[in-house]
Amino acid sequence: MSAASRRGGNHENNIYNNSWSEKHHGIKEIERDGTITFEYDIDRNSELAKNLKGNLMLITGDIDNNVHPAGTYRLADALIKANKRFDMFVLPGVRHSFAPVSGYVNWLRGDDFARHLLGKAADSVDIVELNREVEQVGGQRRR
């Protein structure tokens, strides 16, 4: 459960693509005749939310075309029900790749690490570094 990637996280394997790599999770036993029995029941982060011990930032694009945002919403719901603190960002108009807003997401992530690992992060409402970048490219925000 982390925002370490540049894409939305798959927090609910039961609603994700069952032909992806997770389809082989849950092997329960191999019979003596070599028959393999599967039980497609993979741990879901929403079931594990009550165990959260650290700080968590959830990020998802609202139109993710690979990992449905509902998985992130279900995890957020479980964290709320478990009385856990977390940060959550929903990126409007962003699909699975955060590329269109990667600078913004990278600064959010950097601030989150600085706040929770170093004890201090920027607290200005503006992300000054991104504003400087806009100034350097002639007032145009790069995408």
N, C-alpha and C. Protein backbone atom coordinates (compact mmCIF):
# COMPACT_ATOMS: atom_id res chain seq x y z
N MET A 1 0.83 -1.17 0.00
CA MET A 1 0.00 0.00 0.00
C MET A 1 0.88 1.24 0.00
N SER A 2 1.33 1.67 -1.15
CA SER A 2 2.13 2.88 -1.19
C SER A 2 1.89 3.62 -2.48
N ALA A 3 2.32 4.83 -2.48
CA ALA A 3 2.22 5.63 -3.69
C ALA A 3 3.57 5.72 -4.36
N ALA A 4 4.37 4.71 -4.21
CA ALA A 4 5.73 4.75 -4.74
C ALA A 4 5.75 4.67 -6.26
N SER A 5 4.70 4.18 -6.85
CA SER A 5 4.70 4.07 -8.30
C SER A 5 4.16 5.35 -8.93
N ARG A 6 4.19 5.41 -10.23
CA ARG A 6 3.66 6.57 -10.94
C ARG A 6 2.31 6.24 -11.53
N ARG A 7 1.66 5.25 -11.00
CA ARG A 7 0.35 4.82 -11.49
C ARG A 7 -0.52 4.49 -10.29
N GLY A 8 -1.82 4.44 -10.53
CA GLY A 8 -2.74 4.09 -9.46
C GLY A 8 -2.49 2.67 -8.98
N GLY A 9 -2.65 2.46 -7.69
CA GLY A 9 -2.39 1.16 -7.09
C GLY A 9 -3.54 0.19 -7.22
N ASN A 10 -3.22 -1.09 -7.33
CA ASN A 10 -4.23 -2.15 -7.35
C ASN A 10 -4.42 -2.63 -5.92
N HIS A 11 -5.45 -2.16 -5.27
CA HIS A 11 -5.69 -2.48 -3.87
C HIS A 11 -6.73 -3.59 -3.68
N GLU A 12 -7.44 -3.94 -4.74
CA GLU A 12 -8.53 -4.91 -4.64
C GLU A 12 -8.44 -5.91 -5.78
N ASN A 13 -7.72 -6.99 -5.56
CA ASN A 13 -7.54 -7.97 -6.63
C ASN A 13 -8.85 -8.63 -7.05
N ASN A 14 -9.84 -8.61 -6.20
CA ASN A 14 -11.10 -9.25 -6.56
C ASN A 14 -11.89 -8.47 -7.60
N ILE A 15 -11.53 -7.21 -7.85
CA ILE A 15 -12.21 -6.45 -8.90
C ILE A 15 -11.25 -6.07 -10.02
N TYR A 16 -10.04 -6.63 -9.97
CA TYR A 16 -9.05 -6.34 -11.01
C TYR A 16 -9.10 -7.44 -12.06
N ASN A 17 -8.36 -7.26 -13.11
CA ASN A 17 -8.30 -8.19 -14.23
C ASN A 17 -7.84 -9.58 -13.76
N ASN A 18 -8.73 -10.56 -13.78
CA ASN A 18 -8.38 -11.88 -13.25
C ASN A 18 -7.46 -12.69 -14.17
N SER A 19 -7.09 -12.16 -15.32
CA SER A 19 -6.14 -12.87 -16.17
C SER A 19 -4.73 -12.31 -16.00
N TRP A 20 -4.57 -11.37 -15.12
CA TRP A 20 -3.25 -10.78 -14.85
C TRP A 20 -2.48 -11.71 -13.92
N SER A 21 -1.30 -11.34 -13.51
CA SER A 21 -0.43 -12.24 -12.75
C SER A 21 -1.05 -12.75 -11.46
N GLU A 22 -1.95 -11.99 -10.87
CA GLU A 22 -2.53 -12.39 -9.59
C GLU A 22 -3.42 -13.63 -9.70
N LYS A 23 -3.74 -14.08 -10.92
CA LYS A 23 -4.66 -15.20 -11.05
C LYS A 23 -4.12 -16.48 -10.42
N HIS A 24 -2.81 -16.58 -10.23
CA HIS A 24 -2.23 -17.79 -9.66
C HIS A 24 -2.00 -17.68 -8.15
N HIS A 25 -2.35 -16.56 -7.57
CA HIS A 25 -2.25 -16.44 -6.11
C HIS A 25 -3.36 -17.29 -5.50
N GLY A 26 -3.12 -17.79 -4.35
CA GLY A 26 -4.15 -18.53 -3.66
C GLY A 26 -4.12 -20.02 -3.92
N ILE A 27 -3.03 -20.56 -4.50
CA ILE A 27 -2.94 -22.00 -4.67
C ILE A 27 -2.98 -22.63 -3.28
N LYS A 28 -3.91 -23.53 -3.08
CA LYS A 28 -4.07 -24.13 -1.76
C LYS A 28 -3.34 -25.47 -1.62
N GLU A 29 -3.39 -26.30 -2.64
CA GLU A 29 -2.71 -27.59 -2.52
C GLU A 29 -2.53 -28.23 -3.89
N ILE A 30 -1.54 -29.10 -3.94
CA ILE A 30 -1.32 -29.92 -5.13
C ILE A 30 -1.63 -31.36 -4.72
N GLU A 31 -2.59 -31.95 -5.41
CA GLU A 31 -3.00 -33.32 -5.10
C GLU A 31 -1.91 -34.31 -5.49
N ARG A 32 -1.98 -35.52 -4.96
CA ARG A 32 -0.98 -36.54 -5.28
C ARG A 32 -0.95 -36.88 -6.75
N ASP A 33 -2.09 -36.76 -7.42
CA ASP A 33 -2.12 -37.05 -8.85
C ASP A 33 -1.62 -35.87 -9.70
N GLY A 34 -1.17 -34.81 -9.02
CA GLY A 34 -0.63 -33.64 -9.72
C GLY A 34 -1.67 -32.57 -10.00
N THR A 35 -2.92 -32.84 -9.69
CA THR A 35 -3.96 -31.85 -9.89
C THR A 35 -3.74 -30.67 -8.94
N ILE A 36 -3.83 -29.47 -9.49
CA ILE A 36 -3.68 -28.27 -8.68
C ILE A 36 -5.06 -27.67 -8.46
N THR A 37 -5.37 -27.39 -7.21
CA THR A 37 -6.65 -26.72 -6.92
C THR A 37 -6.36 -25.27 -6.58
N PHE A 38 -7.15 -24.39 -7.15
CA PHE A 38 -7.00 -22.96 -6.94
C PHE A 38 -8.14 -22.44 -6.08
N GLU A 39 -7.82 -21.51 -5.29
CA GLU A 39 -8.85 -20.74 -4.60
C GLU A 39 -8.52 -19.29 -4.88
N TYR A 40 -9.30 -18.67 -5.73
CA TYR A 40 -9.02 -17.28 -6.12
C TYR A 40 -9.49 -16.36 -5.00
N ASP A 41 -8.67 -16.27 -3.99
CA ASP A 41 -8.98 -15.41 -2.84
C ASP A 41 -7.69 -14.77 -2.38
N ILE A 42 -7.43 -13.59 -2.89
CA ILE A 42 -6.19 -12.88 -2.61
C ILE A 42 -6.47 -11.81 -1.56
N ASP A 43 -5.52 -11.63 -0.64
CA ASP A 43 -5.68 -10.55 0.34
C ASP A 43 -5.94 -9.23 -0.37
N ARG A 44 -6.84 -8.47 0.18
CA ARG A 44 -7.15 -7.14 -0.33
C ARG A 44 -6.66 -6.13 0.70
N ASN A 45 -6.14 -5.03 0.22
CA ASN A 45 -5.64 -4.02 1.13
C ASN A 45 -6.72 -3.49 2.06
N SER A 46 -7.97 -3.50 1.61
CA SER A 46 -9.05 -3.05 2.49
C SER A 46 -9.20 -3.97 3.70
N GLU A 47 -8.87 -5.24 3.53
CA GLU A 47 -8.91 -6.18 4.66
C GLU A 47 -7.73 -5.98 5.60
N LEU A 48 -6.64 -5.43 5.08
CA LEU A 48 -5.43 -5.23 5.85
C LEU A 48 -5.33 -3.82 6.45
N ALA A 49 -6.24 -2.94 6.08
CA ALA A 49 -6.17 -1.53 6.48
C ALA A 49 -6.07 -1.33 7.98
N LYS A 50 -6.75 -2.16 8.73
CA LYS A 50 -6.74 -2.03 10.20
C LYS A 50 -5.34 -2.21 10.78
N ASN A 51 -4.42 -2.82 10.01
CA ASN A 51 -3.06 -3.08 10.48
C ASN A 51 -2.09 -1.94 10.19
N LEU A 52 -2.54 -0.88 9.53
CA LEU A 52 -1.65 0.21 9.15
C LEU A 52 -0.95 0.79 10.37
N LYS A 53 0.37 0.91 10.29
CA LYS A 53 1.17 1.43 11.39
C LYS A 53 1.87 2.73 11.03
N GLY A 54 2.03 3.03 9.77
CA GLY A 54 2.76 4.23 9.36
C GLY A 54 1.87 5.23 8.67
N ASN A 55 2.49 6.05 7.86
CA ASN A 55 1.77 7.08 7.11
C ASN A 55 1.53 6.58 5.70
N LEU A 56 0.38 6.95 5.16
CA LEU A 56 0.00 6.45 3.86
C LEU A 56 -0.56 7.57 3.01
N MET A 57 -0.13 7.62 1.76
CA MET A 57 -0.68 8.55 0.79
C MET A 57 -1.26 7.72 -0.35
N LEU A 58 -2.53 7.89 -0.61
CA LEU A 58 -3.20 7.22 -1.72
C LEU A 58 -3.38 8.22 -2.86
N ILE A 59 -3.08 7.79 -4.07
CA ILE A 59 -3.25 8.64 -5.25
C ILE A 59 -3.89 7.80 -6.34
N THR A 60 -4.91 8.35 -6.98
CA THR A 60 -5.52 7.67 -8.11
C THR A 60 -6.02 8.70 -9.12
N GLY A 61 -5.99 8.32 -10.38
CA GLY A 61 -6.62 9.14 -11.40
C GLY A 61 -8.10 8.80 -11.43
N ASP A 62 -8.94 9.80 -11.63
CA ASP A 62 -10.38 9.52 -11.57
C ASP A 62 -10.90 8.79 -12.79
N ILE A 63 -10.10 8.71 -13.85
CA ILE A 63 -10.52 7.94 -15.03
C ILE A 63 -9.46 6.89 -15.39
N ASP A 64 -8.88 6.28 -14.36
CA ASP A 64 -7.86 5.24 -14.58
C ASP A 64 -8.45 4.17 -15.48
N ASN A 65 -7.76 3.89 -16.57
CA ASN A 65 -8.26 2.92 -17.55
C ASN A 65 -7.59 1.56 -17.41
N ASN A 66 -6.91 1.33 -16.28
CA ASN A 66 -6.29 0.04 -16.05
C ASN A 66 -6.73 -0.50 -14.69
N VAL A 67 -6.43 0.21 -13.63
CA VAL A 67 -6.82 -0.21 -12.28
C VAL A 67 -7.95 0.71 -11.85
N HIS A 68 -9.12 0.18 -11.68
CA HIS A 68 -10.30 1.00 -11.40
C HIS A 68 -10.13 1.76 -10.08
N PRO A 69 -10.46 3.05 -10.07
CA PRO A 69 -10.35 3.85 -8.84
C PRO A 69 -11.17 3.29 -7.67
N ALA A 70 -12.16 2.47 -7.95
CA ALA A 70 -12.98 1.90 -6.88
C ALA A 70 -12.15 1.14 -5.86
N GLY A 71 -11.05 0.52 -6.30
CA GLY A 71 -10.18 -0.19 -5.37
C GLY A 71 -9.57 0.77 -4.35
N THR A 72 -9.15 1.94 -4.81
CA THR A 72 -8.59 2.95 -3.91
C THR A 72 -9.68 3.49 -2.99
N TYR A 73 -10.87 3.70 -3.52
CA TYR A 73 -11.99 4.19 -2.70
C TYR A 73 -12.35 3.17 -1.62
N ARG A 74 -12.32 1.89 -1.97
CA ARG A 74 -12.62 0.85 -0.97
C ARG A 74 -11.58 0.83 0.13
N LEU A 75 -10.31 1.03 -0.25
CA LEU A 75 -9.25 1.08 0.76
C LEU A 75 -9.45 2.31 1.65
N ALA A 76 -9.76 3.46 1.06
CA ALA A 76 -10.00 4.67 1.85
C ALA A 76 -11.15 4.43 2.82
N ASP A 77 -12.21 3.80 2.37
CA ASP A 77 -13.36 3.51 3.23
C ASP A 77 -12.95 2.62 4.40
N ALA A 78 -12.14 1.60 4.13
CA ALA A 78 -11.68 0.70 5.20
C ALA A 78 -10.78 1.44 6.19
N LEU A 79 -9.93 2.33 5.69
CA LEU A 79 -9.07 3.10 6.58
C LEU A 79 -9.89 4.02 7.49
N ILE A 80 -10.91 4.64 6.93
CA ILE A 80 -11.79 5.50 7.72
C ILE A 80 -12.50 4.68 8.79
N LYS A 81 -13.02 3.54 8.41
CA LYS A 81 -13.71 2.67 9.38
C LYS A 81 -12.78 2.15 10.46
N ALA A 82 -11.47 2.04 10.14
CA ALA A 82 -10.48 1.58 11.12
C ALA A 82 -9.86 2.76 11.89
N ASN A 83 -10.39 3.96 11.66
CA ASN A 83 -9.90 5.18 12.34
C ASN A 83 -8.41 5.42 12.09
N LYS A 84 -8.00 5.25 10.84
CA LYS A 84 -6.60 5.47 10.45
C LYS A 84 -6.48 6.81 9.71
N ARG A 85 -5.40 7.53 9.99
CA ARG A 85 -5.11 8.76 9.26
C ARG A 85 -4.38 8.40 7.97
N PHE A 86 -4.73 9.12 6.90
CA PHE A 86 -4.05 8.93 5.62
C PHE A 86 -4.33 10.15 4.77
N ASP A 87 -3.54 10.34 3.73
CA ASP A 87 -3.76 11.39 2.75
C ASP A 87 -4.24 10.74 1.47
N MET A 88 -5.13 11.43 0.77
CA MET A 88 -5.64 10.87 -0.48
C MET A 88 -5.80 11.98 -1.50
N PHE A 89 -5.34 11.70 -2.71
CA PHE A 89 -5.46 12.64 -3.81
C PHE A 89 -6.10 11.93 -4.99
N VAL A 90 -7.16 12.53 -5.52
CA VAL A 90 -7.81 12.06 -6.73
C VAL A 90 -7.45 13.06 -7.81
N LEU A 91 -6.85 12.58 -8.88
CA LEU A 91 -6.37 13.44 -9.95
C LEU A 91 -7.42 13.52 -11.06
N PRO A 92 -8.07 14.67 -11.21
CA PRO A 92 -9.14 14.81 -12.21
C PRO A 92 -8.63 14.66 -13.64
N GLY A 93 -9.34 13.87 -14.41
CA GLY A 93 -9.02 13.70 -15.82
C GLY A 93 -7.74 12.93 -16.09
N VAL A 94 -7.24 12.18 -15.11
CA VAL A 94 -5.98 11.46 -15.26
C VAL A 94 -6.26 9.97 -15.31
N ARG A 95 -5.61 9.32 -16.26
CA ARG A 95 -5.75 7.87 -16.44
C ARG A 95 -4.73 7.14 -15.57
N HIS A 96 -4.36 5.93 -15.95
CA HIS A 96 -3.48 5.09 -15.13
C HIS A 96 -2.08 5.70 -14.96
N SER A 97 -1.57 6.27 -16.00
CA SER A 97 -0.27 6.94 -15.90
C SER A 97 -0.49 8.35 -15.37
N PHE A 98 0.33 8.77 -14.46
CA PHE A 98 0.21 10.13 -13.91
C PHE A 98 1.00 11.13 -14.75
N ALA A 99 1.47 10.73 -15.93
CA ALA A 99 2.35 11.55 -16.74
C ALA A 99 1.88 13.00 -16.92
N PRO A 100 0.60 13.25 -17.21
CA PRO A 100 0.19 14.64 -17.42
C PRO A 100 0.39 15.54 -16.20
N VAL A 101 0.43 14.96 -15.01
CA VAL A 101 0.59 15.74 -13.78
C VAL A 101 1.75 15.21 -12.95
N SER A 102 2.73 14.61 -13.62
CA SER A 102 3.81 13.94 -12.89
C SER A 102 4.61 14.90 -12.01
N GLY A 103 4.84 16.12 -12.46
CA GLY A 103 5.56 17.08 -11.64
C GLY A 103 4.82 17.36 -10.34
N TYR A 104 3.52 17.55 -10.44
CA TYR A 104 2.69 17.81 -9.26
C TYR A 104 2.72 16.61 -8.30
N VAL A 105 2.54 15.43 -8.84
CA VAL A 105 2.53 14.22 -8.01
C VAL A 105 3.90 14.00 -7.37
N ASN A 106 4.97 14.23 -8.12
CA ASN A 106 6.30 14.05 -7.55
C ASN A 106 6.55 15.00 -6.38
N TRP A 107 6.08 16.24 -6.49
CA TRP A 107 6.26 17.18 -5.37
C TRP A 107 5.39 16.79 -4.19
N LEU A 108 4.17 16.33 -4.44
CA LEU A 108 3.34 15.84 -3.33
C LEU A 108 4.04 14.70 -2.60
N ARG A 109 4.55 13.78 -3.38
CA ARG A 109 5.24 12.62 -2.82
C ARG A 109 6.48 13.05 -2.03
N GLY A 110 7.26 13.96 -2.61
CA GLY A 110 8.45 14.46 -1.94
C GLY A 110 8.12 15.15 -0.63
N ASP A 111 7.07 15.98 -0.65
CA ASP A 111 6.64 16.66 0.58
C ASP A 111 6.18 15.65 1.63
N ASP A 112 5.49 14.61 1.17
CA ASP A 112 5.00 13.59 2.10
C ASP A 112 6.16 12.85 2.77
N PHE A 113 7.15 12.47 1.98
CA PHE A 113 8.33 11.81 2.55
C PHE A 113 9.06 12.74 3.51
N ALA A 114 9.24 14.00 3.10
CA ALA A 114 9.95 14.96 3.96
C ALA A 114 9.20 15.16 5.28
N ARG A 115 7.90 15.27 5.20
CA ARG A 115 7.08 15.50 6.40
C ARG A 115 7.18 14.31 7.36
N HIS A 116 7.06 13.12 6.82
CA HIS A 116 6.98 11.95 7.69
C HIS A 116 8.32 11.30 8.01
N LEU A 117 9.32 11.51 7.17
CA LEU A 117 10.63 10.92 7.44
C LEU A 117 11.61 11.93 8.04
N LEU A 118 11.49 13.20 7.64
CA LEU A 118 12.41 14.22 8.14
C LEU A 118 11.77 15.12 9.18
N GLY A 119 10.44 15.08 9.25
CA GLY A 119 9.74 15.91 10.22
C GLY A 119 9.48 17.33 9.77
N LYS A 120 9.79 17.64 8.52
CA LYS A 120 9.56 19.00 8.03
C LYS A 120 9.34 18.96 6.53
N ALA A 121 8.35 19.70 6.08
CA ALA A 121 8.08 19.81 4.65
C ALA A 121 7.59 21.21 4.36
N ALA A 122 7.61 21.56 3.09
CA ALA A 122 7.09 22.86 2.68
C ALA A 122 5.63 22.97 3.09
N ASP A 123 5.24 24.14 3.58
CA ASP A 123 3.85 24.28 4.01
C ASP A 123 3.12 25.40 3.29
N SER A 124 3.75 25.98 2.30
CA SER A 124 3.09 27.02 1.50
C SER A 124 1.97 26.38 0.68
N VAL A 125 0.91 27.13 0.45
CA VAL A 125 -0.17 26.62 -0.38
C VAL A 125 0.30 26.40 -1.82
N ASP A 126 1.28 27.18 -2.24
CA ASP A 126 1.82 27.03 -3.59
C ASP A 126 2.98 26.03 -3.59
N ILE A 127 3.06 25.26 -4.66
CA ILE A 127 4.25 24.43 -4.85
C ILE A 127 5.22 25.31 -5.61
N VAL A 128 6.04 26.01 -4.85
CA VAL A 128 6.92 27.06 -5.36
C VAL A 128 7.80 26.54 -6.50
N GLU A 129 8.31 25.35 -6.35
CA GLU A 129 9.21 24.79 -7.36
C GLU A 129 8.52 24.64 -8.71
N LEU A 130 7.27 24.23 -8.71
CA LEU A 130 6.53 24.11 -9.97
C LEU A 130 6.24 25.49 -10.55
N ASN A 131 5.96 26.47 -9.70
CA ASN A 131 5.73 27.83 -10.19
C ASN A 131 6.99 28.39 -10.83
N ARG A 132 8.16 28.09 -10.25
CA ARG A 132 9.43 28.53 -10.85
C ARG A 132 9.62 27.89 -12.22
N GLU A 133 9.25 26.63 -12.35
CA GLU A 133 9.37 25.94 -13.64
C GLU A 133 8.50 26.62 -14.69
N VAL A 134 7.29 27.01 -14.31
CA VAL A 134 6.39 27.70 -15.24
C VAL A 134 7.03 29.00 -15.71
N GLU A 135 7.64 29.74 -14.78
CA GLU A 135 8.31 30.99 -15.13
C GLU A 135 9.45 30.74 -16.11
N GLN A 136 10.17 29.65 -15.94
CA GLN A 136 11.34 29.36 -16.77
C GLN A 136 10.97 28.96 -18.19
N VAL A 137 9.78 28.47 -18.40
CA VAL A 137 9.38 28.07 -19.75
C VAL A 137 8.42 29.08 -20.36
N GLY A 138 8.53 30.34 -19.92
CA GLY A 138 7.76 31.42 -20.54
C GLY A 138 6.29 31.45 -20.18
N GLY A 139 5.96 31.11 -18.95
CA GLY A 139 4.58 31.20 -18.50
C GLY A 139 3.69 30.06 -18.95
N GLN A 140 4.26 29.09 -19.63
CA GLN A 140 3.49 27.94 -20.11
C GLN A 140 3.73 26.74 -19.20
N ARG A 141 2.67 26.13 -18.75
CA ARG A 141 2.82 24.91 -17.96
C ARG A 141 3.05 23.76 -18.93
N ARG A 142 4.17 23.06 -18.71
CA ARG A 142 4.48 21.92 -19.60
C ARG A 142 3.62 20.73 -19.21
N ARG A 143 3.25 19.95 -20.20
CA ARG A 143 2.46 18.72 -19.95
C ARG A 143 3.24 17.54 -20.43
